[in-house]
Amino acid sequence: MLNRSFTPFPILITERLTLRQLVISDEQEIFTLRSDSEINKYLDRQLSDTIEDARNFINKINENIHKNDSLYWAITLGDKNILVGTICLFGFSDENGKCEIGYELLTNFQGQGIMKEAAGKVIDYAFNTIKVQKIEAFLHRNNQSSIKLLDKFSFRNSNEPDNTNPELICYYLTNSIDNLK
C-alpha cells in the first residue's frame, strides 16, 4: 500500500529550489506555462486562453491533492516565491505500486539544471516516502529535452507503444539497488 497522505502538503527543498503547493497568486505563471506554444508543443492539452483558466486549473489541482490523488509542486527559486515551473506525481496505482511523473518549466529557465534538481528530489520522495516501486513518464517521442532528463536518472524506455497515442513513449524507473548512485 502506498503512503498517500498529502496533508500537510510536503514542501521539498533542494540547494537552489523550494517545491511548494500551488496558490492562486501563481495564476499568471500557470497561465504562461499553459498558454506558451513552445512549452506545450509536445503536450496533448488545450492551451489556456485566460487567467481564469489558470485559476480553475490551480483549484482543480489542489482538490486532487486534498483527495490524495496527486501531488503537484510549484518549482520556485530559493527564497524567491515566484513559480518557474511545475512537477507532479499522479496516476497512483496502489495495486501496482506505481505512479506517473510530469513536469514543465518556463522557457527562460530551461537549460539551467533546475528540472534535474527538482526531479531528483521528487523521485526520492516518491520512492522513499510514498513508497512507489515504479515511476512512469509518458512523453512525445520527439521531446529530446525530456528524454535527456529521464536518461540522467536511468529511466528506461519500455519500448511499448501507447495505445491511445502512437506518438507517446513510456519511460520508467524502478525502485531498486540499481538506481542508487
C-alpha atoms as a PDB file:
ATOM      1  CA  MET A   1       0.000   0.000   0.000  1.00  0.00           C
ATOM      2  CA  LEU A   2       1.306   3.415  -0.966  1.00  0.00           C
ATOM      3  CA  ASN A   3       1.717   6.143   1.645  1.00  0.00           C
ATOM      4  CA  ARG A   4      -0.661   8.648   0.057  1.00  0.00           C
ATOM      5  CA  SER A   5      -1.411  11.191   2.742  1.00  0.00           C
ATOM      6  CA  PHE A   6      -0.617  14.608   1.319  1.00  0.00           C
ATOM      7  CA  THR A   7      -1.791  16.676   4.296  1.00  0.00           C
ATOM      8  CA  PRO A   8       0.094  18.673   5.315  1.00  0.00           C
ATOM      9  CA  PHE A   9       1.422  19.324   1.833  1.00  0.00           C
ATOM     10  CA  PRO A  10       5.043  18.139   1.539  1.00  0.00           C
ATOM     11  CA  ILE A  11       7.308  21.115   0.850  1.00  0.00           C
ATOM     12  CA  LEU A  12      10.587  19.883  -0.663  1.00  0.00           C
ATOM     13  CA  ILE A  13      13.789  21.918  -0.531  1.00  0.00           C
ATOM     14  CA  THR A  14      16.963  21.480  -2.570  1.00  0.00           C
ATOM     15  CA  GLU A  15      20.144  23.520  -2.759  1.00  0.00           C
ATOM     16  CA  ARG A  16      18.581  26.103  -5.112  1.00  0.00           C
ATOM     17  CA  LEU A  17      14.852  25.333  -5.103  1.00  0.00           C
ATOM     18  CA  THR A  18      11.742  25.216  -2.982  1.00  0.00           C
ATOM     19  CA  LEU A  19       8.957  22.937  -4.214  1.00  0.00           C
ATOM     20  CA  ARG A  20       5.682  24.110  -2.686  1.00  0.00           C
ATOM     21  CA  GLN A  21       1.948  23.856  -3.229  1.00  0.00           C
ATOM     22  CA  LEU A  22       0.298  25.956  -5.936  1.00  0.00           C
ATOM     23  CA  VAL A  23      -1.578  29.038  -4.749  1.00  0.00           C
ATOM     24  CA  ILE A  24      -3.968  31.347  -6.588  1.00  0.00           C
ATOM     25  CA  SER A  25      -1.266  34.036  -6.793  1.00  0.00           C
ATOM     26  CA  ASP A  26       0.600  31.645  -9.155  1.00  0.00           C
ATOM     27  CA  GLU A  27      -2.121  32.190 -11.753  1.00  0.00           C
ATOM     28  CA  GLN A  28      -0.023  34.382 -14.086  1.00  0.00           C
ATOM     29  CA  GLU A  29       2.877  31.904 -14.222  1.00  0.00           C
ATOM     30  CA  ILE A  30       0.490  28.938 -14.623  1.00  0.00           C
ATOM     31  CA  PHE A  31      -1.247  30.818 -17.427  1.00  0.00           C
ATOM     32  CA  THR A  32       2.137  31.424 -19.102  1.00  0.00           C
ATOM     33  CA  LEU A  33       3.096  27.725 -18.779  1.00  0.00           C
ATOM     34  CA  ARG A  34      -0.241  26.516 -20.091  1.00  0.00           C
ATOM     35  CA  SER A  35      -0.549  29.037 -22.945  1.00  0.00           C
ATOM     36  CA  ASP A  36       3.025  29.018 -24.326  1.00  0.00           C
ATOM     37  CA  SER A  37       3.011  27.093 -27.616  1.00  0.00           C
ATOM     38  CA  GLU A  38       6.708  26.137 -27.285  1.00  0.00           C
ATOM     39  CA  ILE A  39       6.255  24.613 -23.807  1.00  0.00           C
ATOM     40  CA  ASN A  40       3.080  22.824 -24.903  1.00  0.00           C
ATOM     41  CA  LYS A  41       4.168  21.567 -28.330  1.00  0.00           C
ATOM     42  CA  TYR A  42       4.660  18.012 -27.052  1.00  0.00           C
ATOM     43  CA  LEU A  43       1.706  18.004 -24.650  1.00  0.00           C
ATOM     44  CA  ASP A  44      -1.731  16.808 -25.631  1.00  0.00           C
ATOM     45  CA  ARG A  45      -3.742  19.506 -23.906  1.00  0.00           C
ATOM     46  CA  GLN A  46      -5.721  22.555 -24.842  1.00  0.00           C
ATOM     47  CA  LEU A  47      -3.856  25.825 -24.380  1.00  0.00           C
ATOM     48  CA  SER A  48      -5.137  28.176 -21.681  1.00  0.00           C
ATOM     49  CA  ASP A  49      -6.924  31.209 -23.065  1.00  0.00           C
ATOM     50  CA  THR A  50      -7.468  33.253 -19.915  1.00  0.00           C
ATOM     51  CA  ILE A  51      -6.201  33.829 -16.400  1.00  0.00           C
ATOM     52  CA  GLU A  52      -9.484  32.293 -15.260  1.00  0.00           C
ATOM     53  CA  ASP A  53      -8.429  29.028 -16.981  1.00  0.00           C
ATOM     54  CA  ALA A  54      -5.253  29.105 -14.888  1.00  0.00           C
ATOM     55  CA  ARG A  55      -7.196  29.863 -11.692  1.00  0.00           C
ATOM     56  CA  ASN A  56      -9.591  26.973 -12.376  1.00  0.00           C
ATOM     57  CA  PHE A  57      -6.626  24.672 -13.047  1.00  0.00           C
ATOM     58  CA  ILE A  58      -4.997  25.624  -9.711  1.00  0.00           C
ATOM     59  CA  ASN A  59      -8.269  24.938  -7.861  1.00  0.00           C
ATOM     60  CA  LYS A  60      -8.676  21.568  -9.595  1.00  0.00           C
ATOM     61  CA  ILE A  61      -5.074  20.573  -8.787  1.00  0.00           C
ATOM     62  CA  ASN A  62      -5.495  21.489  -5.128  1.00  0.00           C
ATOM     63  CA  GLU A  63      -8.759  19.484  -4.928  1.00  0.00           C
ATOM     64  CA  ASN A  64      -6.892  16.431  -6.269  1.00  0.00           C
ATOM     65  CA  ILE A  65      -4.138  16.930  -3.678  1.00  0.00           C
ATOM     66  CA  HIS A  66      -6.759  17.195  -0.926  1.00  0.00           C
ATOM     67  CA  LYS A  67      -8.203  13.842  -2.106  1.00  0.00           C
ATOM     68  CA  ASN A  68      -4.651  12.329  -2.084  1.00  0.00           C
ATOM     69  CA  ASP A  69      -4.972  11.626  -5.820  1.00  0.00           C
ATOM     70  CA  SER A  70      -1.923  13.614  -6.937  1.00  0.00           C
ATOM     71  CA  LEU A  71       0.924  15.861  -5.845  1.00  0.00           C
ATOM     72  CA  TYR A  72       1.685  18.991  -7.831  1.00  0.00           C
ATOM     73  CA  TRP A  73       4.539  21.244  -6.825  1.00  0.00           C
ATOM     74  CA  ALA A  74       5.315  24.805  -7.870  1.00  0.00           C
ATOM     75  CA  ILE A  75       9.057  24.992  -8.532  1.00  0.00           C
ATOM     76  CA  THR A  76      10.446  28.228  -7.081  1.00  0.00           C
ATOM     77  CA  LEU A  77      13.997  29.541  -6.930  1.00  0.00           C
ATOM     78  CA  GLY A  78      15.286  29.549  -3.338  1.00  0.00           C
ATOM     79  CA  ASP A  79      13.825  32.384  -1.302  1.00  0.00           C
ATOM     80  CA  LYS A  80      12.046  33.924  -4.278  1.00  0.00           C
ATOM     81  CA  ASN A  81       8.465  32.722  -4.120  1.00  0.00           C
ATOM     82  CA  ILE A  82       7.977  33.024  -7.896  1.00  0.00           C
ATOM     83  CA  LEU A  83       6.943  29.934  -9.838  1.00  0.00           C
ATOM     84  CA  VAL A  84       9.341  28.974 -12.661  1.00  0.00           C
ATOM     85  CA  GLY A  85       7.887  25.536 -13.393  1.00  0.00           C
ATOM     86  CA  THR A  86       5.891  22.641 -12.017  1.00  0.00           C
ATOM     87  CA  ILE A  87       6.446  18.980 -11.290  1.00  0.00           C
ATOM     88  CA  CYS A  88       3.841  16.428 -10.331  1.00  0.00           C
ATOM     89  CA  LEU A  89       3.175  12.845  -9.333  1.00  0.00           C
ATOM     90  CA  PHE A  90      -0.197  11.430 -10.375  1.00  0.00           C
ATOM     91  CA  GLY A  91      -1.920   8.299 -11.664  1.00  0.00           C
ATOM     92  CA  PHE A  92      -1.128   6.417  -8.481  1.00  0.00           C
ATOM     93  CA  SER A  93      -1.820   2.687  -8.519  1.00  0.00           C
ATOM     94  CA  ASP A  94      -1.821   1.084  -5.079  1.00  0.00           C
ATOM     95  CA  GLU A  95      -2.283  -2.302  -6.763  1.00  0.00           C
ATOM     96  CA  ASN A  96       0.832  -1.923  -8.944  1.00  0.00           C
ATOM     97  CA  GLY A  97       2.836   0.315  -6.600  1.00  0.00           C
ATOM     98  CA  LYS A  98       3.431   2.926  -9.270  1.00  0.00           C
ATOM     99  CA  CYS A  99       2.730   6.490 -10.333  1.00  0.00           C
ATOM    100  CA  GLU A 100       3.464   8.852 -13.191  1.00  0.00           C
ATOM    101  CA  ILE A 101       5.692  11.931 -13.179  1.00  0.00           C
ATOM    102  CA  GLY A 102       5.167  15.085 -15.214  1.00  0.00           C
ATOM    103  CA  TYR A 103       6.963  18.412 -15.365  1.00  0.00           C
ATOM    104  CA  GLU A 104       7.231  21.703 -17.230  1.00  0.00           C
ATOM    105  CA  LEU A 105       9.484  24.737 -16.996  1.00  0.00           C
ATOM    106  CA  LEU A 106       9.134  28.310 -18.197  1.00  0.00           C
ATOM    107  CA  THR A 107      11.258  28.779 -21.320  1.00  0.00           C
ATOM    108  CA  ASN A 108      13.707  31.328 -19.883  1.00  0.00           C
ATOM    109  CA  PHE A 109      14.604  28.938 -17.022  1.00  0.00           C
ATOM    110  CA  GLN A 110      15.351  25.909 -19.215  1.00  0.00           C
ATOM    111  CA  GLY A 111      18.901  24.606 -19.602  1.00  0.00           C
ATOM    112  CA  GLN A 112      19.983  25.588 -16.071  1.00  0.00           C
ATOM    113  CA  GLY A 113      19.643  22.204 -14.353  1.00  0.00           C
ATOM    114  CA  ILE A 114      16.522  23.332 -12.484  1.00  0.00           C
ATOM    115  CA  MET A 115      14.358  20.417 -13.599  1.00  0.00           C
ATOM    116  CA  LYS A 116      17.107  17.894 -12.886  1.00  0.00           C
ATOM    117  CA  GLU A 117      17.362  19.223  -9.340  1.00  0.00           C
ATOM    118  CA  ALA A 118      13.580  19.238  -8.841  1.00  0.00           C
ATOM    119  CA  ALA A 119      13.061  15.801 -10.413  1.00  0.00           C
ATOM    120  CA  GLY A 120      15.788  14.244  -8.269  1.00  0.00           C
ATOM    121  CA  LYS A 121      14.059  15.450  -5.110  1.00  0.00           C
ATOM    122  CA  VAL A 122      10.601  14.327  -6.293  1.00  0.00           C
ATOM    123  CA  ILE A 123      11.857  10.890  -7.403  1.00  0.00           C
ATOM    124  CA  ASP A 124      13.486  10.428  -3.990  1.00  0.00           C
ATOM    125  CA  TYR A 125      10.214  11.471  -2.293  1.00  0.00           C
ATOM    126  CA  ALA A 126       8.175   9.066  -4.448  1.00  0.00           C
ATOM    127  CA  PHE A 127      10.406   6.081  -3.682  1.00  0.00           C
ATOM    128  CA  ASN A 128      11.288   6.757  -0.052  1.00  0.00           C
ATOM    129  CA  THR A 129       8.196   8.476   1.372  1.00  0.00           C
ATOM    130  CA  ILE A 130       5.248   7.408  -0.796  1.00  0.00           C
ATOM    131  CA  LYS A 131       6.942   4.017  -1.311  1.00  0.00           C
ATOM    132  CA  VAL A 132       6.158   3.583  -5.007  1.00  0.00           C
ATOM    133  CA  GLN A 133       8.112   0.823  -6.720  1.00  0.00           C
ATOM    134  CA  LYS A 134       7.877   2.264 -10.227  1.00  0.00           C
ATOM    135  CA  ILE A 135       7.639   5.748 -11.737  1.00  0.00           C
ATOM    136  CA  GLU A 136       6.458   6.131 -15.320  1.00  0.00           C
ATOM    137  CA  ALA A 137       6.737   9.080 -17.685  1.00  0.00           C
ATOM    138  CA  PHE A 138       4.742   9.279 -20.901  1.00  0.00           C
ATOM    139  CA  LEU A 139       6.270  11.704 -23.368  1.00  0.00           C
ATOM    140  CA  HIS A 140       6.257  12.591 -27.030  1.00  0.00           C
ATOM    141  CA  ARG A 141       8.888  10.635 -28.946  1.00  0.00           C
ATOM    142  CA  ASN A 142      10.398  13.901 -30.295  1.00  0.00           C
ATOM    143  CA  ASN A 143      10.750  15.581 -26.899  1.00  0.00           C
ATOM    144  CA  GLN A 144      14.536  15.242 -26.713  1.00  0.00           C
ATOM    145  CA  SER A 145      14.913  17.527 -23.668  1.00  0.00           C
ATOM    146  CA  SER A 146      12.606  15.312 -21.635  1.00  0.00           C
ATOM    147  CA  ILE A 147      14.287  12.131 -22.858  1.00  0.00           C
ATOM    148  CA  LYS A 148      17.706  13.528 -21.844  1.00  0.00           C
ATOM    149  CA  LEU A 149      16.382  14.417 -18.386  1.00  0.00           C
ATOM    150  CA  LEU A 150      14.955  10.934 -17.837  1.00  0.00           C
ATOM    151  CA  ASP A 151      18.201   9.356 -19.093  1.00  0.00           C
ATOM    152  CA  LYS A 152      20.099  11.235 -16.351  1.00  0.00           C
ATOM    153  CA  PHE A 153      18.045   9.301 -13.776  1.00  0.00           C
ATOM    154  CA  SER A 154      18.441   5.955 -15.603  1.00  0.00           C
ATOM    155  CA  PHE A 155      14.808   5.759 -16.706  1.00  0.00           C
ATOM    156  CA  ARG A 156      14.381   3.031 -19.307  1.00  0.00           C
ATOM    157  CA  ASN A 157      12.328   3.064 -22.480  1.00  0.00           C
ATOM    158  CA  SER A 158       9.578   0.458 -22.127  1.00  0.00           C
ATOM    159  CA  ASN A 159       9.522   0.043 -25.930  1.00  0.00           C
ATOM    160  CA  GLU A 160       5.779  -0.463 -25.691  1.00  0.00           C
ATOM    161  CA  PRO A 161       3.617   1.798 -27.855  1.00  0.00           C
ATOM    162  CA  ASP A 162       0.905   3.834 -26.159  1.00  0.00           C
ATOM    163  CA  ASN A 163      -2.498   2.521 -27.236  1.00  0.00           C
ATOM    164  CA  THR A 164      -4.126   5.956 -27.139  1.00  0.00           C
ATOM    165  CA  ASN A 165      -1.394   7.940 -28.915  1.00  0.00           C
ATOM    166  CA  PRO A 166       1.314   6.278 -31.058  1.00  0.00           C
ATOM    167  CA  GLU A 167       3.491   9.418 -30.737  1.00  0.00           C
ATOM    168  CA  LEU A 168       3.885   8.801 -26.989  1.00  0.00           C
ATOM    169  CA  ILE A 169       6.575   6.630 -25.476  1.00  0.00           C
ATOM    170  CA  CYS A 170       6.785   5.359 -21.925  1.00  0.00           C
ATOM    171  CA  TYR A 171       9.903   5.578 -19.811  1.00  0.00           C
ATOM    172  CA  TYR A 172      10.058   4.024 -16.362  1.00  0.00           C
ATOM    173  CA  LEU A 173      12.277   3.820 -13.317  1.00  0.00           C
ATOM    174  CA  THR A 174      12.012   1.139 -10.670  1.00  0.00           C
ATOM    175  CA  ASN A 175      12.962   1.477  -7.020  1.00  0.00           C
ATOM    176  CA  SER A 176      15.905  -0.876  -6.781  1.00  0.00           C
ATOM    177  CA  ILE A 177      19.534  -1.019  -5.739  1.00  0.00           C
ATOM    178  CA  ASP A 178      20.461  -0.489  -9.421  1.00  0.00           C
ATOM    179  CA  ASN A 179      19.129   3.089  -9.274  1.00  0.00           C
ATOM    180  CA  LEU A 180      21.180   4.207  -6.289  1.00  0.00           C
ATOM    181  CA  LYS A 181      24.071   6.436  -7.262  1.00  0.00           C
END
